[in-house]
Amino acid sequence: MRVLLVEDDGPVAESLRRGLIRYGFEVEWVTTGQAALTVSVPPDLVLLDLGLPDTDGLDVCRALRAGGDVPIIVISARSDETDRVVGLEIGADDYVSKPFGVREVIARIRAVMRRVQPKQAPSGPDRYGPLLTVDRKAARVRLAGAEVALTPKEYDLLAFLTEEPGALMSREQIMEAVWDANWFGPTKTLDVHVAALRRKLAEAVLIEAVRGVGFRLVVREQPPQPGQPE
């Protein structure tokens, strides 16, 4: 996946570029709005800073949207709600405020791509350890070869957590990705669905809760022994 990073702050851009490359993204980095609008190879997604040296990032966002449907995530130190609303209204798909972590940006990229390309799916099942397979194309989960009955949201939650096993995902990231980008309801429903996955997939995965932050899915290399915590 090709990402166009439009950011004039060198240290921020280098850190983000290295992080994206580690996760398998191809990154083209430019420092001005003019350069962003004249790249030779169209990107799959744009990460756009608003504070550019030659033009306002909102104008760049508007021009990019007028020229096509490329997904745009605004990244900015501007925390004012007006900028956030204006950015979304003129075509940005999401807005990330500085400072941010690479994992947060990765999660938002994946959430945006799921929304804009809902029909794209891997060609075959993904395997996690010796027991668990997730077939994203068919939306089916199997444990030791037997299909596991999951509710739609249980499946969506598992599919999200298994995108990056071992990574700590915040409650906000999970709620945005699995429920809705504008979810404002209680997050207790997340705990209920996590408990259900733990119960149904205890032999294959461990879903660790990190108090005050979120959850981490760990793939078991072997089923738990009697008396071992699930």
C-alpha atoms as a PDB file:
ATOM      1  CA  MET A   1       0.000   0.000   0.000  1.00  0.00           C
ATOM      2  CA  ARG A   2       1.423   3.371  -1.071  1.00  0.00           C
ATOM      3  CA  VAL A   3       1.102   6.280   1.386  1.00  0.00           C
ATOM      4  CA  LEU A   4       1.825   9.913   0.551  1.00  0.00           C
ATOM      5  CA  LEU A   5       3.090  11.683   3.680  1.00  0.00           C
ATOM      6  CA  VAL A   6       2.782  15.479   3.485  1.00  0.00           C
ATOM      7  CA  GLU A   7       4.685  16.875   6.479  1.00  0.00           C
ATOM      8  CA  ASP A   8       7.297  19.644   6.767  1.00  0.00           C
ATOM      9  CA  ASP A   9       8.449  18.755  10.305  1.00  0.00           C
ATOM     10  CA  GLY A  10      11.504  16.570   9.657  1.00  0.00           C
ATOM     11  CA  PRO A  11      11.683  14.638  12.951  1.00  0.00           C
ATOM     12  CA  VAL A  12       7.944  13.939  12.966  1.00  0.00           C
ATOM     13  CA  ALA A  13       7.981  12.841   9.337  1.00  0.00           C
ATOM     14  CA  GLU A  14      11.040  10.608   9.734  1.00  0.00           C
ATOM     15  CA  SER A  15       9.613   8.880  12.789  1.00  0.00           C
ATOM     16  CA  LEU A  16       6.267   8.305  11.091  1.00  0.00           C
ATOM     17  CA  ARG A  17       7.892   7.217   7.823  1.00  0.00           C
ATOM     18  CA  ARG A  18      10.064   4.625   9.593  1.00  0.00           C
ATOM     19  CA  GLY A  19       7.059   3.327  11.518  1.00  0.00           C
ATOM     20  CA  LEU A  20       4.940   2.979   8.392  1.00  0.00           C
ATOM     21  CA  ILE A  21       7.730   1.166   6.556  1.00  0.00           C
ATOM     22  CA  ARG A  22       8.082  -1.275   9.465  1.00  0.00           C
ATOM     23  CA  TYR A  23       4.415  -2.148   9.010  1.00  0.00           C
ATOM     24  CA  GLY A  24       4.880  -2.825   5.312  1.00  0.00           C
ATOM     25  CA  PHE A  25       3.733   0.464   3.788  1.00  0.00           C
ATOM     26  CA  GLU A  26       5.497   2.156   0.895  1.00  0.00           C
ATOM     27  CA  VAL A  27       5.951   5.835   1.780  1.00  0.00           C
ATOM     28  CA  GLU A  28       6.576   8.894  -0.365  1.00  0.00           C
ATOM     29  CA  TRP A  29       7.417  11.931   1.768  1.00  0.00           C
ATOM     30  CA  VAL A  30       6.968  15.518   0.574  1.00  0.00           C
ATOM     31  CA  THR A  31       7.204  18.740   2.569  1.00  0.00           C
ATOM     32  CA  THR A  32       4.963  21.176   0.669  1.00  0.00           C
ATOM     33  CA  GLY A  33       1.428  21.369  -0.586  1.00  0.00           C
ATOM     34  CA  GLN A  34       2.604  21.974  -4.139  1.00  0.00           C
ATOM     35  CA  ALA A  35       4.667  18.784  -4.072  1.00  0.00           C
ATOM     36  CA  ALA A  36       1.672  16.859  -2.735  1.00  0.00           C
ATOM     37  CA  LEU A  37      -0.460  17.981  -5.655  1.00  0.00           C
ATOM     38  CA  THR A  38       2.143  17.072  -8.286  1.00  0.00           C
ATOM     39  CA  VAL A  39       3.320  13.584  -7.258  1.00  0.00           C
ATOM     40  CA  SER A  40       3.892  11.347 -10.255  1.00  0.00           C
ATOM     41  CA  VAL A  41       2.477   8.110  -8.804  1.00  0.00           C
ATOM     42  CA  PRO A  42      -1.030   8.322  -7.289  1.00  0.00           C
ATOM     43  CA  PRO A  43      -1.049   7.157  -3.642  1.00  0.00           C
ATOM     44  CA  ASP A  44      -3.508   4.773  -2.024  1.00  0.00           C
ATOM     45  CA  LEU A  45      -3.855   7.126   0.967  1.00  0.00           C
ATOM     46  CA  VAL A  46      -2.637  10.601   1.985  1.00  0.00           C
ATOM     47  CA  LEU A  47      -1.441  11.627   5.450  1.00  0.00           C
ATOM     48  CA  LEU A  48      -1.711  15.415   5.333  1.00  0.00           C
ATOM     49  CA  ASP A  49      -0.330  17.961   7.783  1.00  0.00           C
ATOM     50  CA  LEU A  50      -2.240  21.248   7.914  1.00  0.00           C
ATOM     51  CA  GLY A  51       0.708  23.480   8.829  1.00  0.00           C
ATOM     52  CA  LEU A  52       2.615  23.503   5.542  1.00  0.00           C
ATOM     53  CA  PRO A  53       5.154  26.209   4.580  1.00  0.00           C
ATOM     54  CA  ASP A  54       3.691  27.152   1.197  1.00  0.00           C
ATOM     55  CA  THR A  55      -0.072  26.816   1.630  1.00  0.00           C
ATOM     56  CA  ASP A  56      -2.756  25.903   4.133  1.00  0.00           C
ATOM     57  CA  GLY A  57      -3.224  22.153   4.417  1.00  0.00           C
ATOM     58  CA  LEU A  58      -6.996  22.612   4.229  1.00  0.00           C
ATOM     59  CA  ASP A  59      -6.575  24.027   0.724  1.00  0.00           C
ATOM     60  CA  VAL A  60      -4.460  21.009  -0.210  1.00  0.00           C
ATOM     61  CA  CYS A  61      -7.123  18.711   1.197  1.00  0.00           C
ATOM     62  CA  ARG A  62      -9.781  20.489  -0.832  1.00  0.00           C
ATOM     63  CA  ALA A  63      -7.707  20.219  -4.020  1.00  0.00           C
ATOM     64  CA  LEU A  64      -6.953  16.532  -3.464  1.00  0.00           C
ATOM     65  CA  ARG A  65     -10.608  15.776  -2.913  1.00  0.00           C
ATOM     66  CA  ALA A  66     -11.609  17.733  -6.011  1.00  0.00           C
ATOM     67  CA  GLY A  67      -9.156  15.659  -8.031  1.00  0.00           C
ATOM     68  CA  GLY A  68     -10.270  12.222  -6.915  1.00  0.00           C
ATOM     69  CA  ASP A  69     -11.389   9.858  -4.166  1.00  0.00           C
ATOM     70  CA  VAL A  70      -8.040   9.096  -2.522  1.00  0.00           C
ATOM     71  CA  PRO A  71      -8.543   8.597   1.252  1.00  0.00           C
ATOM     72  CA  ILE A  72      -7.127  11.498   3.291  1.00  0.00           C
ATOM     73  CA  ILE A  73      -6.169  11.483   6.967  1.00  0.00           C
ATOM     74  CA  VAL A  74      -5.293  14.925   8.337  1.00  0.00           C
ATOM     75  CA  ILE A  75      -2.486  15.010  10.893  1.00  0.00           C
ATOM     76  CA  SER A  76      -2.070  18.297  12.710  1.00  0.00           C
ATOM     77  CA  ALA A  77      -1.049  20.077  15.874  1.00  0.00           C
ATOM     78  CA  ARG A  78      -4.186  22.166  15.518  1.00  0.00           C
ATOM     79  CA  SER A  79      -6.575  20.880  18.164  1.00  0.00           C
ATOM     80  CA  ASP A  80      -9.277  23.468  17.549  1.00  0.00           C
ATOM     81  CA  GLU A  81     -12.614  21.802  16.866  1.00  0.00           C
ATOM     82  CA  THR A  82     -13.294  24.200  13.988  1.00  0.00           C
ATOM     83  CA  ASP A  83     -10.259  22.961  12.051  1.00  0.00           C
ATOM     84  CA  ARG A  84     -11.284  19.382  12.700  1.00  0.00           C
ATOM     85  CA  VAL A  85     -14.840  19.971  11.486  1.00  0.00           C
ATOM     86  CA  VAL A  86     -13.735  21.961   8.436  1.00  0.00           C
ATOM     87  CA  GLY A  87     -11.209  19.275   7.478  1.00  0.00           C
ATOM     88  CA  LEU A  88     -13.837  16.559   7.613  1.00  0.00           C
ATOM     89  CA  GLU A  89     -16.411  18.672   5.788  1.00  0.00           C
ATOM     90  CA  ILE A  90     -14.123  19.418   2.840  1.00  0.00           C
ATOM     91  CA  GLY A  91     -13.278  15.774   2.313  1.00  0.00           C
ATOM     92  CA  ALA A  92     -10.858  14.371   4.887  1.00  0.00           C
ATOM     93  CA  ASP A  93     -11.730  10.844   6.006  1.00  0.00           C
ATOM     94  CA  ASP A  94     -10.207  11.175   9.482  1.00  0.00           C
ATOM     95  CA  TYR A  95      -8.264  13.603  11.674  1.00  0.00           C
ATOM     96  CA  VAL A  96      -5.358  12.780  14.020  1.00  0.00           C
ATOM     97  CA  SER A  97      -4.095  15.376  16.491  1.00  0.00           C
ATOM     98  CA  LYS A  98      -0.413  15.702  17.363  1.00  0.00           C
ATOM     99  CA  PRO A  99       1.247  14.251  19.324  1.00  0.00           C
ATOM    100  CA  PHE A 100       0.272  10.783  18.179  1.00  0.00           C
ATOM    101  CA  GLY A 101       1.748   7.293  18.166  1.00  0.00           C
ATOM    102  CA  VAL A 102       2.548   5.250  15.070  1.00  0.00           C
ATOM    103  CA  ARG A 103       0.171   2.513  16.221  1.00  0.00           C
ATOM    104  CA  GLU A 104      -2.689   5.014  16.375  1.00  0.00           C
ATOM    105  CA  VAL A 105      -1.977   6.180  12.826  1.00  0.00           C
ATOM    106  CA  ILE A 106      -1.768   2.571  11.591  1.00  0.00           C
ATOM    107  CA  ALA A 107      -5.104   1.752  13.231  1.00  0.00           C
ATOM    108  CA  ARG A 108      -6.736   4.803  11.669  1.00  0.00           C
ATOM    109  CA  ILE A 109      -5.324   3.970   8.231  1.00  0.00           C
ATOM    110  CA  ARG A 110      -6.767   0.468   8.464  1.00  0.00           C
ATOM    111  CA  ALA A 111     -10.123   1.754   9.691  1.00  0.00           C
ATOM    112  CA  VAL A 112     -10.341   4.255   6.826  1.00  0.00           C
ATOM    113  CA  MET A 113      -9.369   1.656   4.234  1.00  0.00           C
ATOM    114  CA  ARG A 114     -12.008  -0.735   5.561  1.00  0.00           C
ATOM    115  CA  ARG A 115     -14.630   1.971   5.103  1.00  0.00           C
ATOM    116  CA  VAL A 116     -13.594   3.065   1.616  1.00  0.00           C
ATOM    117  CA  GLN A 117     -12.782  -0.409   0.284  1.00  0.00           C
ATOM    118  CA  PRO A 118     -15.263  -2.707   2.048  1.00  0.00           C
ATOM    119  CA  LYS A 119     -15.272  -5.301  -0.732  1.00  0.00           C
ATOM    120  CA  GLN A 120     -11.540  -5.969  -0.703  1.00  0.00           C
ATOM    121  CA  ALA A 121     -10.538  -9.073   1.246  1.00  0.00           C
ATOM    122  CA  PRO A 122      -7.679 -11.553   1.374  1.00  0.00           C
ATOM    123  CA  SER A 123      -7.958 -14.489  -0.987  1.00  0.00           C
ATOM    124  CA  GLY A 124      -7.705 -17.198   1.669  1.00  0.00           C
ATOM    125  CA  PRO A 125      -7.946 -17.878   5.413  1.00  0.00           C
ATOM    126  CA  ASP A 126      -5.308 -16.487   7.775  1.00  0.00           C
ATOM    127  CA  ARG A 127      -3.882 -18.877  10.344  1.00  0.00           C
ATOM    128  CA  TYR A 128      -3.068 -17.851  13.910  1.00  0.00           C
ATOM    129  CA  GLY A 129      -1.196 -20.553  15.769  1.00  0.00           C
ATOM    130  CA  PRO A 130      -1.993 -24.255  15.345  1.00  0.00           C
ATOM    131  CA  LEU A 131      -5.755 -24.017  15.997  1.00  0.00           C
ATOM    132  CA  LEU A 132      -7.299 -20.771  14.761  1.00  0.00           C
ATOM    133  CA  THR A 133      -8.085 -19.674  11.204  1.00  0.00           C
ATOM    134  CA  VAL A 134      -9.926 -16.525  10.157  1.00  0.00           C
ATOM    135  CA  ASP A 135     -11.366 -16.466   6.651  1.00  0.00           C
ATOM    136  CA  ARG A 136     -11.990 -12.769   6.035  1.00  0.00           C
ATOM    137  CA  LYS A 137     -13.414 -13.353   2.575  1.00  0.00           C
ATOM    138  CA  ALA A 138     -16.114 -15.693   3.879  1.00  0.00           C
ATOM    139  CA  ALA A 139     -16.294 -14.092   7.362  1.00  0.00           C
ATOM    140  CA  ARG A 140     -15.825 -17.488   9.007  1.00  0.00           C
ATOM    141  CA  VAL A 141     -13.725 -18.588  11.962  1.00  0.00           C
ATOM    142  CA  ARG A 142     -12.562 -22.137  12.635  1.00  0.00           C
ATOM    143  CA  LEU A 143     -11.065 -23.602  15.785  1.00  0.00           C
ATOM    144  CA  ALA A 144      -9.202 -26.890  15.263  1.00  0.00           C
ATOM    145  CA  GLY A 145     -11.095 -27.289  11.991  1.00  0.00           C
ATOM    146  CA  ALA A 146     -14.564 -26.758  13.456  1.00  0.00           C
ATOM    147  CA  GLU A 147     -16.475 -23.593  12.627  1.00  0.00           C
ATOM    148  CA  VAL A 148     -17.077 -21.275  15.585  1.00  0.00           C
ATOM    149  CA  ALA A 149     -20.409 -19.456  15.796  1.00  0.00           C
ATOM    150  CA  LEU A 150     -19.694 -15.754  16.318  1.00  0.00           C
ATOM    151  CA  THR A 151     -22.048 -12.808  16.239  1.00  0.00           C
ATOM    152  CA  PRO A 152     -21.282 -10.182  13.579  1.00  0.00           C
ATOM    153  CA  LYS A 153     -19.636  -7.856  16.120  1.00  0.00           C
ATOM    154  CA  GLU A 154     -17.679 -10.686  17.730  1.00  0.00           C
ATOM    155  CA  TYR A 155     -16.316 -11.532  14.294  1.00  0.00           C
ATOM    156  CA  ASP A 156     -15.489  -7.876  13.538  1.00  0.00           C
ATOM    157  CA  LEU A 157     -13.692  -7.547  16.879  1.00  0.00           C
ATOM    158  CA  LEU A 158     -11.666 -10.708  16.294  1.00  0.00           C
ATOM    159  CA  ALA A 159     -10.823  -9.662  12.745  1.00  0.00           C
ATOM    160  CA  PHE A 160      -9.540  -6.304  14.016  1.00  0.00           C
ATOM    161  CA  LEU A 161      -7.488  -7.696  16.907  1.00  0.00           C
ATOM    162  CA  THR A 162      -5.896 -10.362  14.702  1.00  0.00           C
ATOM    163  CA  GLU A 163      -4.727  -7.768  12.173  1.00  0.00           C
ATOM    164  CA  GLU A 164      -1.797  -7.154  14.482  1.00  0.00           C
ATOM    165  CA  PRO A 165      -1.392  -9.883  17.135  1.00  0.00           C
ATOM    166  CA  GLY A 166       0.528  -8.709  20.172  1.00  0.00           C
ATOM    167  CA  ALA A 167      -0.170  -5.019  19.607  1.00  0.00           C
ATOM    168  CA  LEU A 168      -1.921  -3.047  22.324  1.00  0.00           C
ATOM    169  CA  MET A 169      -5.101  -1.472  20.954  1.00  0.00           C
ATOM    170  CA  SER A 170      -6.809   1.284  22.907  1.00  0.00           C
ATOM    171  CA  ARG A 171     -10.502   1.085  23.669  1.00  0.00           C
ATOM    172  CA  GLU A 172     -11.048   4.145  21.478  1.00  0.00           C
ATOM    173  CA  GLN A 173      -9.272   2.560  18.496  1.00  0.00           C
ATOM    174  CA  ILE A 174     -11.290  -0.623  18.853  1.00  0.00           C
ATOM    175  CA  MET A 175     -14.618   1.151  19.250  1.00  0.00           C
ATOM    176  CA  GLU A 176     -13.906   3.318  16.207  1.00  0.00           C
ATOM    177  CA  ALA A 177     -12.820   0.408  14.028  1.00  0.00           C
ATOM    178  CA  VAL A 178     -15.417  -2.174  15.070  1.00  0.00           C
ATOM    179  CA  TRP A 179     -18.466  -0.107  15.956  1.00  0.00           C
ATOM    180  CA  ASP A 180     -18.405   3.317  14.343  1.00  0.00           C
ATOM    181  CA  ALA A 181     -16.042   6.223  13.785  1.00  0.00           C
ATOM    182  CA  ASN A 182     -18.517   8.485  15.614  1.00  0.00           C
ATOM    183  CA  TRP A 183     -19.504   6.103  18.424  1.00  0.00           C
ATOM    184  CA  PHE A 184     -20.416   8.033  21.570  1.00  0.00           C
ATOM    185  CA  GLY A 185     -22.143   5.285  23.548  1.00  0.00           C
ATOM    186  CA  PRO A 186     -20.801   3.312  26.507  1.00  0.00           C
ATOM    187  CA  THR A 187     -17.809   1.035  25.942  1.00  0.00           C
ATOM    188  CA  LYS A 188     -19.150  -1.669  28.268  1.00  0.00           C
ATOM    189  CA  THR A 189     -20.334  -3.485  25.155  1.00  0.00           C
ATOM    190  CA  LEU A 190     -16.656  -3.951  24.235  1.00  0.00           C
ATOM    191  CA  ASP A 191     -16.002  -5.830  27.487  1.00  0.00           C
ATOM    192  CA  VAL A 192     -19.001  -8.065  26.822  1.00  0.00           C
ATOM    193  CA  HIS A 193     -17.735  -8.983  23.359  1.00  0.00           C
ATOM    194  CA  VAL A 194     -14.178  -9.546  24.600  1.00  0.00           C
ATOM    195  CA  ALA A 195     -15.529 -11.903  27.271  1.00  0.00           C
ATOM    196  CA  ALA A 196     -17.451 -13.822  24.618  1.00  0.00           C
ATOM    197  CA  LEU A 197     -14.356 -14.239  22.432  1.00  0.00           C
ATOM    198  CA  ARG A 198     -12.306 -15.364  25.419  1.00  0.00           C
ATOM    199  CA  ARG A 199     -14.884 -18.013  26.188  1.00  0.00           C
ATOM    200  CA  LYS A 200     -15.248 -19.266  22.625  1.00  0.00           C
ATOM    201  CA  LEU A 201     -11.569 -19.136  21.611  1.00  0.00           C
ATOM    202  CA  ALA A 202      -9.766 -19.820  24.886  1.00  0.00           C
ATOM    203  CA  GLU A 203      -7.790 -22.694  23.350  1.00  0.00           C
ATOM    204  CA  ALA A 204      -6.345 -20.516  20.592  1.00  0.00           C
ATOM    205  CA  VAL A 205      -5.892 -16.950  21.819  1.00  0.00           C
ATOM    206  CA  LEU A 206      -5.406 -14.942  24.982  1.00  0.00           C
ATOM    207  CA  ILE A 207      -6.987 -11.470  25.073  1.00  0.00           C
ATOM    208  CA  GLU A 208      -5.136  -9.454  27.688  1.00  0.00           C
ATOM    209  CA  ALA A 209      -6.735  -6.391  29.281  1.00  0.00           C
ATOM    210  CA  VAL A 210      -4.454  -3.451  30.041  1.00  0.00           C
ATOM    211  CA  ARG A 211      -6.192  -1.372  32.687  1.00  0.00           C
ATOM    212  CA  GLY A 212      -7.065   2.107  31.539  1.00  0.00           C
ATOM    213  CA  VAL A 213      -5.792   1.512  27.994  1.00  0.00           C
ATOM    214  CA  GLY A 214      -7.313  -1.364  26.034  1.00  0.00           C
ATOM    215  CA  PHE A 215      -6.654  -4.928  24.915  1.00  0.00           C
ATOM    216  CA  ARG A 216      -3.916  -7.052  23.384  1.00  0.00           C
ATOM    217  CA  LEU A 217      -4.522 -10.343  21.540  1.00  0.00           C
ATOM    218  CA  VAL A 218      -1.835 -12.990  21.965  1.00  0.00           C
ATOM    219  CA  VAL A 219      -1.835 -16.157  19.877  1.00  0.00           C
ATOM    220  CA  ARG A 220      -1.335 -19.353  21.864  1.00  0.00           C
ATOM    221  CA  GLU A 221       1.266 -21.706  20.442  1.00  0.00           C
ATOM    222  CA  GLN A 222      -0.387 -24.519  22.384  1.00  0.00           C
ATOM    223  CA  PRO A 223      -3.694 -24.896  24.255  1.00  0.00           C
ATOM    224  CA  PRO A 224      -3.700 -23.922  27.945  1.00  0.00           C
ATOM    225  CA  GLN A 225      -3.022 -26.715  30.421  1.00  0.00           C
ATOM    226  CA  PRO A 226      -5.523 -27.540  33.168  1.00  0.00           C
ATOM    227  CA  GLY A 227      -5.354 -24.857  35.842  1.00  0.00           C
ATOM    228  CA  GLN A 228      -3.623 -22.389  33.518  1.00  0.00           C
ATOM    229  CA  PRO A 229      -5.370 -18.968  33.345  1.00  0.00           C
ATOM    230  CA  GLU A 230      -7.346 -18.332  30.198  1.00  0.00           C
END
